[in-house]
Amino acid sequence: MATSVKTAISMQEDLLIEVNRIAEELKVSRSRLFVLAVQDFIKKQESQKLLAQINDAFSDLPDAEEKIVQSGMRRKYIDSLGDESW
């Protein structure tokens, strides 16, 4: 199990009141609520990074010139099949 480390943070009083209210509703300590919130934040950041990588991978779609070349290649391939029956 990982070692716990204490830290101090500063926040606006109205935010702290909301944190206390939510912690009470969830029946967890304020510390536990902060841990849950930070874990959730980290997961969302990782998901956004992964989504950006996926989008980058699929953003390399053929441009107009490449589409023309692909179409020509497709026709030549079909023509090369001739009258072969499958």
PDB file of N, CA and C in Angstrom:
ATOM      1  N   MET A   1       0.829  -1.170   0.000  1.00  0.00           N
ATOM      2  CA  MET A   1       0.000   0.000   0.000  1.00  0.00           C
ATOM      3  C   MET A   1       0.880   1.242   0.000  1.00  0.00           C
ATOM      4  N   ALA A   2       0.447   2.261  -0.724  1.00  0.00           N
ATOM      5  CA  ALA A   2       1.224   3.492  -0.825  1.00  0.00           C
ATOM      6  C   ALA A   2       1.210   4.258   0.492  1.00  0.00           C
ATOM      7  N   THR A   3       2.268   4.984   0.719  1.00  0.00           N
ATOM      8  CA  THR A   3       2.372   5.801   1.922  1.00  0.00           C
ATOM      9  C   THR A   3       1.525   7.054   1.763  1.00  0.00           C
ATOM     10  N   SER A   4       0.782   7.401   2.800  1.00  0.00           N
ATOM     11  CA  SER A   4      -0.015   8.629   2.772  1.00  0.00           C
ATOM     12  C   SER A   4       0.855   9.801   3.185  1.00  0.00           C
ATOM     13  N   VAL A   5       0.619  10.941   2.558  1.00  0.00           N
ATOM     14  CA  VAL A   5       1.361  12.156   2.848  1.00  0.00           C
ATOM     15  C   VAL A   5       0.366  13.264   3.118  1.00  0.00           C
ATOM     16  N   LYS A   6       0.603  14.026   4.155  1.00  0.00           N
ATOM     17  CA  LYS A   6      -0.282  15.152   4.472  1.00  0.00           C
ATOM     18  C   LYS A   6       0.112  16.351   3.629  1.00  0.00           C
ATOM     19  N   THR A   7      -0.882  17.135   3.263  1.00  0.00           N
ATOM     20  CA  THR A   7      -0.637  18.368   2.527  1.00  0.00           C
ATOM     21  C   THR A   7      -1.673  19.404   2.950  1.00  0.00           C
ATOM     22  N   ALA A   8      -1.380  20.629   2.701  1.00  0.00           N
ATOM     23  CA  ALA A   8      -2.324  21.697   3.024  1.00  0.00           C
ATOM     24  C   ALA A   8      -2.682  22.422   1.735  1.00  0.00           C
ATOM     25  N   ILE A   9      -3.937  22.796   1.612  1.00  0.00           N
ATOM     26  CA  ILE A   9      -4.379  23.552   0.448  1.00  0.00           C
ATOM     27  C   ILE A   9      -5.189  24.756   0.920  1.00  0.00           C
ATOM     28  N   SER A  10      -5.249  25.743   0.079  1.00  0.00           N
ATOM     29  CA  SER A  10      -6.058  26.927   0.367  1.00  0.00           C
ATOM     30  C   SER A  10      -7.181  26.996  -0.649  1.00  0.00           C
ATOM     31  N   MET A  11      -8.356  27.407  -0.174  1.00  0.00           N
ATOM     32  CA  MET A  11      -9.503  27.538  -1.072  1.00  0.00           C
ATOM     33  C   MET A  11     -10.471  28.550  -0.503  1.00  0.00           C
ATOM     34  N   GLN A  12     -11.380  28.972  -1.324  1.00  0.00           N
ATOM     35  CA  GLN A  12     -12.393  29.918  -0.859  1.00  0.00           C
ATOM     36  C   GLN A  12     -13.311  29.235   0.140  1.00  0.00           C
ATOM     37  N   GLU A  13     -13.786  30.008   1.076  1.00  0.00           N
ATOM     38  CA  GLU A  13     -14.606  29.460   2.151  1.00  0.00           C
ATOM     39  C   GLU A  13     -15.886  28.816   1.629  1.00  0.00           C
ATOM     40  N   ASP A  14     -16.517  29.417   0.634  1.00  0.00           N
ATOM     41  CA  ASP A  14     -17.763  28.839   0.118  1.00  0.00           C
ATOM     42  C   ASP A  14     -17.523  27.484  -0.542  1.00  0.00           C
ATOM     43  N   LEU A  15     -16.356  27.319  -1.147  1.00  0.00           N
ATOM     44  CA  LEU A  15     -16.014  26.020  -1.730  1.00  0.00           C
ATOM     45  C   LEU A  15     -15.800  24.980  -0.627  1.00  0.00           C
ATOM     46  N   LEU A  16     -15.138  25.366   0.440  1.00  0.00           N
ATOM     47  CA  LEU A  16     -14.919  24.458   1.563  1.00  0.00           C
ATOM     48  C   LEU A  16     -16.252  24.032   2.188  1.00  0.00           C
ATOM     49  N   ILE A  17     -17.188  24.941   2.289  1.00  0.00           N
ATOM     50  CA  ILE A  17     -18.515  24.606   2.829  1.00  0.00           C
ATOM     51  C   ILE A  17     -19.173  23.548   1.939  1.00  0.00           C
ATOM     52  N   GLU A  18     -19.050  23.717   0.619  1.00  0.00           N
ATOM     53  CA  GLU A  18     -19.615  22.738  -0.316  1.00  0.00           C
ATOM     54  C   GLU A  18     -18.911  21.391  -0.189  1.00  0.00           C
ATOM     55  N   VAL A  19     -17.606  21.415  -0.052  1.00  0.00           N
ATOM     56  CA  VAL A  19     -16.826  20.175   0.131  1.00  0.00           C
ATOM     57  C   VAL A  19     -17.300  19.451   1.387  1.00  0.00           C
ATOM     58  N   ASN A  20     -17.443  20.174   2.474  1.00  0.00           N
ATOM     59  CA  ASN A  20     -17.901  19.567   3.723  1.00  0.00           C
ATOM     60  C   ASN A  20     -19.293  18.958   3.566  1.00  0.00           C
ATOM     61  N   ARG A  21     -20.168  19.659   2.850  1.00  0.00           N
ATOM     62  CA  ARG A  21     -21.528  19.162   2.642  1.00  0.00           C
ATOM     63  C   ARG A  21     -21.517  17.854   1.849  1.00  0.00           C
ATOM     64  N   ILE A  22     -20.745  17.831   0.793  1.00  0.00           N
ATOM     65  CA  ILE A  22     -20.686  16.626  -0.044  1.00  0.00           C
ATOM     66  C   ILE A  22     -20.044  15.468   0.710  1.00  0.00           C
ATOM     67  N   ALA A  23     -18.986  15.736   1.444  1.00  0.00           N
ATOM     68  CA  ALA A  23     -18.330  14.684   2.231  1.00  0.00           C
ATOM     69  C   ALA A  23     -19.310  14.089   3.228  1.00  0.00           C
ATOM     70  N   GLU A  24     -20.098  14.936   3.853  1.00  0.00           N
ATOM     71  CA  GLU A  24     -21.089  14.456   4.813  1.00  0.00           C
ATOM     72  C   GLU A  24     -22.153  13.606   4.119  1.00  0.00           C
ATOM     73  N   GLU A  25     -22.606  14.058   2.958  1.00  0.00           N
ATOM     74  CA  GLU A  25     -23.608  13.293   2.197  1.00  0.00           C
ATOM     75  C   GLU A  25     -23.085  11.916   1.816  1.00  0.00           C
ATOM     76  N   LEU A  26     -21.846  11.882   1.399  1.00  0.00           N
ATOM     77  CA  LEU A  26     -21.240  10.618   0.962  1.00  0.00           C
ATOM     78  C   LEU A  26     -20.721   9.777   2.118  1.00  0.00           C
ATOM     79  N   LYS A  27     -20.747  10.362   3.304  1.00  0.00           N
ATOM     80  CA  LYS A  27     -20.257   9.683   4.507  1.00  0.00           C
ATOM     81  C   LYS A  27     -18.786   9.257   4.354  1.00  0.00           C
ATOM     82  N   VAL A  28     -17.991  10.214   3.864  1.00  0.00           N
ATOM     83  CA  VAL A  28     -16.541  10.014   3.763  1.00  0.00           C
ATOM     84  C   VAL A  28     -15.872  11.228   4.396  1.00  0.00           C
ATOM     85  N   SER A  29     -14.616  11.057   4.730  1.00  0.00           N
ATOM     86  CA  SER A  29     -13.888  12.194   5.282  1.00  0.00           C
ATOM     87  C   SER A  29     -13.602  13.206   4.179  1.00  0.00           C
ATOM     88  N   ARG A  30     -13.305  14.418   4.601  1.00  0.00           N
ATOM     89  CA  ARG A  30     -12.959  15.453   3.634  1.00  0.00           C
ATOM     90  C   ARG A  30     -11.696  15.034   2.871  1.00  0.00           C
ATOM     91  N   SER A  31     -10.743  14.440   3.562  1.00  0.00           N
ATOM     92  CA  SER A  31      -9.517  13.972   2.906  1.00  0.00           C
ATOM     93  C   SER A  31      -9.836  12.937   1.828  1.00  0.00           C
ATOM     94  N   ARG A  32     -10.717  12.007   2.176  1.00  0.00           N
ATOM     95  CA  ARG A  32     -11.094  10.963   1.212  1.00  0.00           C
ATOM     96  C   ARG A  32     -11.787  11.583   0.000  1.00  0.00           C
ATOM     97  N   LEU A  33     -12.618  12.580   0.230  1.00  0.00           N
ATOM     98  CA  LEU A  33     -13.303  13.252  -0.874  1.00  0.00           C
ATOM     99  C   LEU A  33     -12.294  13.917  -1.807  1.00  0.00           C
ATOM    100  N   PHE A  34     -11.289  14.570  -1.245  1.00  0.00           N
ATOM    101  CA  PHE A  34     -10.254  15.186  -2.082  1.00  0.00           C
ATOM    102  C   PHE A  34      -9.495  14.133  -2.887  1.00  0.00           C
ATOM    103  N   VAL A  35      -9.182  13.010  -2.254  1.00  0.00           N
ATOM    104  CA  VAL A  35      -8.486  11.925  -2.960  1.00  0.00           C
ATOM    105  C   VAL A  35      -9.341  11.430  -4.118  1.00  0.00           C
ATOM    106  N   LEU A  36     -10.623  11.197  -3.862  1.00  0.00           N
ATOM    107  CA  LEU A  36     -11.524  10.737  -4.926  1.00  0.00           C
ATOM    108  C   LEU A  36     -11.595  11.747  -6.068  1.00  0.00           C
ATOM    109  N   ALA A  37     -11.682  13.020  -5.708  1.00  0.00           N
ATOM    110  CA  ALA A  37     -11.772  14.069  -6.719  1.00  0.00           C
ATOM    111  C   ALA A  37     -10.504  14.133  -7.577  1.00  0.00           C
ATOM    112  N   VAL A  38      -9.360  14.022  -6.938  1.00  0.00           N
ATOM    113  CA  VAL A  38      -8.093  14.078  -7.674  1.00  0.00           C
ATOM    114  C   VAL A  38      -7.934  12.837  -8.553  1.00  0.00           C
ATOM    115  N   GLN A  39      -8.303  11.667  -8.042  1.00  0.00           N
ATOM    116  CA  GLN A  39      -8.234  10.452  -8.855  1.00  0.00           C
ATOM    117  C   GLN A  39      -9.127  10.575 -10.082  1.00  0.00           C
ATOM    118  N   ASP A  40     -10.322  11.102  -9.897  1.00  0.00           N
ATOM    119  CA  ASP A  40     -11.249  11.298 -11.011  1.00  0.00           C
ATOM    120  C   ASP A  40     -10.664  12.281 -12.025  1.00  0.00           C
ATOM    121  N   PHE A  41     -10.086  13.358 -11.534  1.00  0.00           N
ATOM    122  CA  PHE A  41      -9.477  14.355 -12.404  1.00  0.00           C
ATOM    123  C   PHE A  41      -8.349  13.741 -13.229  1.00  0.00           C
ATOM    124  N   ILE A  42      -7.492  12.945 -12.592  1.00  0.00           N
ATOM    125  CA  ILE A  42      -6.375  12.304 -13.291  1.00  0.00           C
ATOM    126  C   ILE A  42      -6.891  11.361 -14.372  1.00  0.00           C
ATOM    127  N   LYS A  43      -7.913  10.567 -14.063  1.00  0.00           N
ATOM    128  CA  LYS A  43      -8.481   9.649 -15.060  1.00  0.00           C
ATOM    129  C   LYS A  43      -9.039  10.421 -16.250  1.00  0.00           C
ATOM    130  N   LYS A  44      -9.702  11.532 -15.991  1.00  0.00           N
ATOM    131  CA  LYS A  44     -10.244  12.344 -17.090  1.00  0.00           C
ATOM    132  C   LYS A  44      -9.124  12.919 -17.951  1.00  0.00           C
ATOM    133  N   GLN A  45      -8.044  13.359 -17.323  1.00  0.00           N
ATOM    134  CA  GLN A  45      -6.906  13.884 -18.077  1.00  0.00           C
ATOM    135  C   GLN A  45      -6.294  12.799 -18.951  1.00  0.00           C
ATOM    136  N   GLU A  46      -6.136  11.595 -18.396  1.00  0.00           N
ATOM    137  CA  GLU A  46      -5.576  10.483 -19.166  1.00  0.00           C
ATOM    138  C   GLU A  46      -6.489  10.132 -20.331  1.00  0.00           C
ATOM    139  N   SER A  47      -7.802  10.150 -20.098  1.00  0.00           N
ATOM    140  CA  SER A  47      -8.757   9.857 -21.165  1.00  0.00           C
ATOM    141  C   SER A  47      -8.680  10.904 -22.267  1.00  0.00           C
ATOM    142  N   GLN A  48      -8.540  12.165 -21.885  1.00  0.00           N
ATOM    143  CA  GLN A  48      -8.431  13.226 -22.882  1.00  0.00           C
ATOM    144  C   GLN A  48      -7.154  13.089 -23.703  1.00  0.00           C
ATOM    145  N   LYS A  49      -6.055  12.701 -23.059  1.00  0.00           N
ATOM    146  CA  LYS A  49      -4.808  12.476 -23.783  1.00  0.00           C
ATOM    147  C   LYS A  49      -4.955  11.322 -24.762  1.00  0.00           C
ATOM    148  N   LEU A  50      -5.579  10.241 -24.314  1.00  0.00           N
ATOM    149  CA  LEU A  50      -5.787   9.085 -25.179  1.00  0.00           C
ATOM    150  C   LEU A  50      -6.677   9.454 -26.359  1.00  0.00           C
ATOM    151  N   LEU A  51      -7.743  10.189 -26.105  1.00  0.00           N
ATOM    152  CA  LEU A  51      -8.632  10.625 -27.177  1.00  0.00           C
ATOM    153  C   LEU A  51      -7.883  11.495 -28.172  1.00  0.00           C
ATOM    154  N   ALA A  52      -7.028  12.374 -27.696  1.00  0.00           N
ATOM    155  CA  ALA A  52      -6.235  13.224 -28.586  1.00  0.00           C
ATOM    156  C   ALA A  52      -5.307  12.375 -29.452  1.00  0.00           C
ATOM    157  N   GLN A  53      -4.708  11.341 -28.865  1.00  0.00           N
ATOM    158  CA  GLN A  53      -3.828  10.450 -29.631  1.00  0.00           C
ATOM    159  C   GLN A  53      -4.616   9.690 -30.689  1.00  0.00           C
ATOM    160  N   ILE A  54      -5.804   9.226 -30.336  1.00  0.00           N
ATOM    161  CA  ILE A  54      -6.653   8.516 -31.298  1.00  0.00           C
ATOM    162  C   ILE A  54      -7.056   9.460 -32.427  1.00  0.00           C
ATOM    163  N   ASN A  55      -7.467  10.673 -32.070  1.00  0.00           N
ATOM    164  CA  ASN A  55      -7.855  11.647 -33.089  1.00  0.00           C
ATOM    165  C   ASN A  55      -6.691  11.973 -34.010  1.00  0.00           C
ATOM    166  N   ASP A  56      -5.486  12.102 -33.450  1.00  0.00           N
ATOM    167  CA  ASP A  56      -4.298  12.352 -34.277  1.00  0.00           C
ATOM    168  C   ASP A  56      -4.045  11.198 -35.238  1.00  0.00           C
ATOM    169  N   ALA A  57      -4.221   9.975 -34.744  1.00  0.00           N
ATOM    170  CA  ALA A  57      -3.978   8.802 -35.585  1.00  0.00           C
ATOM    171  C   ALA A  57      -4.951   8.733 -36.753  1.00  0.00           C
ATOM    172  N   PHE A  58      -6.188   9.164 -36.536  1.00  0.00           N
ATOM    173  CA  PHE A  58      -7.195   9.079 -37.592  1.00  0.00           C
ATOM    174  C   PHE A  58      -7.337  10.373 -38.375  1.00  0.00           C
ATOM    175  N   SER A  59      -6.556  11.396 -38.054  1.00  0.00           N
ATOM    176  CA  SER A  59      -6.680  12.665 -38.757  1.00  0.00           C
ATOM    177  C   SER A  59      -5.928  12.672 -40.077  1.00  0.00           C
ATOM    178  N   ASP A  60      -5.169  11.648 -40.325  1.00  0.00           N
ATOM    179  CA  ASP A  60      -4.371  11.574 -41.544  1.00  0.00           C
ATOM    180  C   ASP A  60      -5.174  10.923 -42.673  1.00  0.00           C
ATOM    181  N   LEU A  61      -6.341  11.468 -42.950  1.00  0.00           N
ATOM    182  CA  LEU A  61      -7.182  10.947 -44.020  1.00  0.00           C
ATOM    183  C   LEU A  61      -6.613  11.383 -45.363  1.00  0.00           C
ATOM    184  N   PRO A  62      -6.915  10.626 -46.408  1.00  0.00           N
ATOM    185  CA  PRO A  62      -6.384  11.009 -47.721  1.00  0.00           C
ATOM    186  C   PRO A  62      -6.945  12.359 -48.178  1.00  0.00           C
ATOM    187  N   ASP A  63      -6.057  13.169 -48.788  1.00  0.00           N
ATOM    188  CA  ASP A  63      -6.521  14.434 -49.344  1.00  0.00           C
ATOM    189  C   ASP A  63      -7.113  14.175 -50.730  1.00  0.00           C
ATOM    190  N   ALA A  64      -7.550  15.221 -51.408  1.00  0.00           N
ATOM    191  CA  ALA A  64      -8.234  15.073 -52.708  1.00  0.00           C
ATOM    192  C   ALA A  64      -7.354  14.352 -53.720  1.00  0.00           C
ATOM    193  N   GLU A  65      -6.073  14.704 -53.771  1.00  0.00           N
ATOM    194  CA  GLU A  65      -5.159  14.070 -54.736  1.00  0.00           C
ATOM    195  C   GLU A  65      -4.996  12.577 -54.432  1.00  0.00           C
ATOM    196  N   GLU A  66      -4.853  12.244 -53.160  1.00  0.00           N
ATOM    197  CA  GLU A  66      -4.716  10.834 -52.773  1.00  0.00           C
ATOM    198  C   GLU A  66      -5.974  10.043 -53.113  1.00  0.00           C
ATOM    199  N   LYS A  67      -7.138  10.657 -52.969  1.00  0.00           N
ATOM    200  CA  LYS A  67      -8.389   9.982 -53.305  1.00  0.00           C
ATOM    201  C   LYS A  67      -8.467   9.685 -54.794  1.00  0.00           C
ATOM    202  N   ILE A  68      -7.981  10.601 -55.625  1.00  0.00           N
ATOM    203  CA  ILE A  68      -7.969  10.386 -57.078  1.00  0.00           C
ATOM    204  C   ILE A  68      -7.056   9.214 -57.415  1.00  0.00           C
ATOM    205  N   VAL A  69      -5.878   9.182 -56.791  1.00  0.00           N
ATOM    206  CA  VAL A  69      -4.929   8.084 -57.027  1.00  0.00           C
ATOM    207  C   VAL A  69      -5.548   6.760 -56.581  1.00  0.00           C
ATOM    208  N   GLN A  70      -6.185   6.750 -55.402  1.00  0.00           N
ATOM    209  CA  GLN A  70      -6.814   5.519 -54.907  1.00  0.00           C
ATOM    210  C   GLN A  70      -7.906   5.042 -55.850  1.00  0.00           C
ATOM    211  N   SER A  71      -8.686   5.970 -56.351  1.00  0.00           N
ATOM    212  CA  SER A  71      -9.768   5.613 -57.267  1.00  0.00           C
ATOM    213  C   SER A  71      -9.198   4.995 -58.541  1.00  0.00           C
ATOM    214  N   GLY A  72      -8.132   5.600 -59.071  1.00  0.00           N
ATOM    215  CA  GLY A  72      -7.486   5.051 -60.269  1.00  0.00           C
ATOM    216  C   GLY A  72      -6.922   3.671 -60.010  1.00  0.00           C
ATOM    217  N   MET A  73      -6.300   3.476 -58.864  1.00  0.00           N
ATOM    218  CA  MET A  73      -5.741   2.171 -58.512  1.00  0.00           C
ATOM    219  C   MET A  73      -6.850   1.132 -58.393  1.00  0.00           C
ATOM    220  N   ARG A  74      -7.969   1.542 -57.802  1.00  0.00           N
ATOM    221  CA  ARG A  74      -9.102   0.636 -57.652  1.00  0.00           C
ATOM    222  C   ARG A  74      -9.629   0.196 -59.026  1.00  0.00           C
ATOM    223  N   ARG A  75      -9.751   1.136 -59.966  1.00  0.00           N
ATOM    224  CA  ARG A  75     -10.222   0.795 -61.318  1.00  0.00           C
ATOM    225  C   ARG A  75      -9.257  -0.156 -62.005  1.00  0.00           C
ATOM    226  N   LYS A  76      -7.953   0.127 -61.899  1.00  0.00           N
ATOM    227  CA  LYS A  76      -6.954  -0.751 -62.525  1.00  0.00           C
ATOM    228  C   LYS A  76      -7.024  -2.152 -61.934  1.00  0.00           C
ATOM    229  N   TYR A  77      -7.215  -2.250 -60.638  1.00  0.00           N
ATOM    230  CA  TYR A  77      -7.312  -3.550 -59.990  1.00  0.00           C
ATOM    231  C   TYR A  77      -8.540  -4.297 -60.490  1.00  0.00           C
ATOM    232  N   ILE A  78      -9.671  -3.606 -60.568  1.00  0.00           N
ATOM    233  CA  ILE A  78     -10.904  -4.237 -61.049  1.00  0.00           C
ATOM    234  C   ILE A  78     -10.735  -4.675 -62.489  1.00  0.00           C
ATOM    235  N   ASP A  79     -10.113  -3.829 -63.299  1.00  0.00           N
ATOM    236  CA  ASP A  79      -9.868  -4.177 -64.704  1.00  0.00           C
ATOM    237  C   ASP A  79      -8.955  -5.388 -64.810  1.00  0.00           C
ATOM    238  N   SER A  80      -7.991  -5.503 -63.891  1.00  0.00           N
ATOM    239  CA  SER A  80      -7.036  -6.613 -63.955  1.00  0.00           C
ATOM    240  C   SER A  80      -7.696  -7.953 -63.631  1.00  0.00           C
ATOM    241  N   LEU A  81      -8.826  -7.882 -62.934  1.00  0.00           N
ATOM    242  CA  LEU A  81      -9.545  -9.128 -62.624  1.00  0.00           C
ATOM    243  C   LEU A  81     -10.229  -9.702 -63.844  1.00  0.00           C
ATOM    244  N   GLY A  82     -10.543  -8.849 -64.791  1.00  0.00           N
ATOM    245  CA  GLY A  82     -11.159  -9.306 -66.028  1.00  0.00           C
ATOM    246  C   GLY A  82     -12.470 -10.004 -65.778  1.00  0.00           C
ATOM    247  N   ASP A  83     -12.640 -11.093 -66.457  1.00  0.00           N
ATOM    248  CA  ASP A  83     -13.894 -11.839 -66.385  1.00  0.00           C
ATOM    249  C   ASP A  83     -13.806 -13.043 -65.458  1.00  0.00           C
ATOM    250  N   GLU A  84     -12.880 -13.003 -64.529  1.00  0.00           N
ATOM    251  CA  GLU A  84     -12.745 -14.122 -63.605  1.00  0.00           C
ATOM    252  C   GLU A  84     -14.008 -14.277 -62.786  1.00  0.00           C
ATOM    253  N   SER A  85     -14.437 -15.509 -62.615  1.00  0.00           N
ATOM    254  CA  SER A  85     -15.611 -15.762 -61.774  1.00  0.00           C
ATOM    255  C   SER A  85     -15.150 -16.263 -60.417  1.00  0.00           C
ATOM    256  N   TRP A  86     -15.813 -15.832 -59.452  1.00  0.00           N
ATOM    257  CA  TRP A  86     -15.443 -16.214 -58.098  1.00  0.00           C
ATOM    258  C   TRP A  86     -16.422 -17.228 -57.660  1.00  0.00           C
TER     259      TRP A  86
END
